């Protein structure tokens, strides 16, 4: 992904996770960095596993990380 395309995608990503709690954002970041492996931390409260994995996969695509 070009740097210009990445810069265009960042505002969309911010809006997508803007209302997540800090624990949810941290878990999402852990999942992105884990590259598809199970992350260690889990947020408390309601958590949509499918939604989180779809978003984590999208973020991995945006930053060029392999799953």
Protein backbone atom coordinates (compact mmCIF):
# COMPACT_ATOMS: atom_id res chain seq x y z
CA UNK A 1 0.00 0.00 0.00
CA UNK A 2 1.37 3.38 -0.91
CA UNK A 3 1.95 5.98 1.77
CA UNK A 4 -0.69 8.18 0.14
CA UNK A 5 -3.30 5.39 0.24
CA UNK A 6 -2.40 4.67 3.87
CA UNK A 7 -2.79 8.35 4.77
CA UNK A 8 -6.21 8.33 3.09
CA UNK A 9 -7.26 5.24 5.08
CA UNK A 10 -6.20 6.48 8.53
CA UNK A 11 -9.25 8.74 9.09
CA UNK A 12 -11.54 5.83 8.23
CA UNK A 13 -9.73 3.63 10.70
CA UNK A 14 -9.94 6.29 13.40
CA UNK A 15 -13.69 6.57 12.88
CA UNK A 16 -14.05 2.80 12.94
CA UNK A 17 -12.39 2.45 16.35
CA UNK A 18 -13.15 5.88 17.79
CA UNK A 19 -15.90 4.66 20.08
CA UNK A 20 -14.05 1.55 21.27
CA UNK A 21 -12.95 1.53 24.89
CA UNK A 22 -9.21 1.77 25.57
CA UNK A 23 -9.21 -1.94 26.47
CA UNK A 24 -10.85 -2.80 23.13
CA UNK A 25 -8.35 -0.66 21.20
CA UNK A 26 -5.46 -2.27 23.08
CA UNK A 27 -6.82 -5.75 22.32
CA UNK A 28 -7.27 -4.86 18.66
CA UNK A 29 -3.69 -3.59 18.53
CA UNK A 30 -2.50 -6.80 20.18
CA UNK A 31 -4.36 -8.85 17.59
CA UNK A 32 -2.92 -6.83 14.71
CA UNK A 33 0.58 -7.30 16.05
CA UNK A 34 -0.05 -11.02 16.69
CA UNK A 35 -0.80 -11.47 12.99
CA UNK A 36 -3.78 -13.78 13.44
CA UNK A 37 -2.52 -15.66 16.49
CA UNK A 38 -4.67 -15.36 19.60
CA UNK A 39 -3.93 -12.19 21.54
CA UNK A 40 -3.16 -12.47 25.25
CA UNK A 41 -5.33 -9.66 26.62
CA UNK A 42 -9.10 -9.68 26.46
CA UNK A 43 -11.35 -6.72 27.18
CA UNK A 44 -14.02 -6.86 29.83
CA UNK A 45 -17.68 -6.40 28.99
CA UNK A 46 -19.31 -7.03 25.64
CA UNK A 47 -16.93 -8.03 22.86
CA UNK A 48 -17.88 -8.94 19.31
CA UNK A 49 -15.27 -11.52 18.32
CA UNK A 50 -16.21 -11.57 14.62
CA UNK A 51 -16.19 -7.77 14.36
CA UNK A 52 -12.82 -7.57 16.09
CA UNK A 53 -11.23 -10.15 13.81
CA UNK A 54 -12.57 -8.46 10.65
CA UNK A 55 -11.21 -5.11 11.80
CA UNK A 56 -7.88 -6.63 12.87
CA UNK A 57 -7.53 -8.25 9.44
CA UNK A 58 -8.29 -4.91 7.77
CA UNK A 59 -5.69 -3.11 9.89
CA UNK A 60 -3.11 -5.79 9.07
CA UNK A 61 -3.86 -5.21 5.38
CA UNK A 62 -3.49 -1.45 5.81
CA UNK A 63 -0.09 -1.70 7.47
CA UNK A 64 1.12 -4.52 5.23
CA UNK A 65 1.42 -7.07 8.03
CA UNK A 66 0.98 -10.71 7.12
CA UNK A 67 -1.63 -12.85 8.86
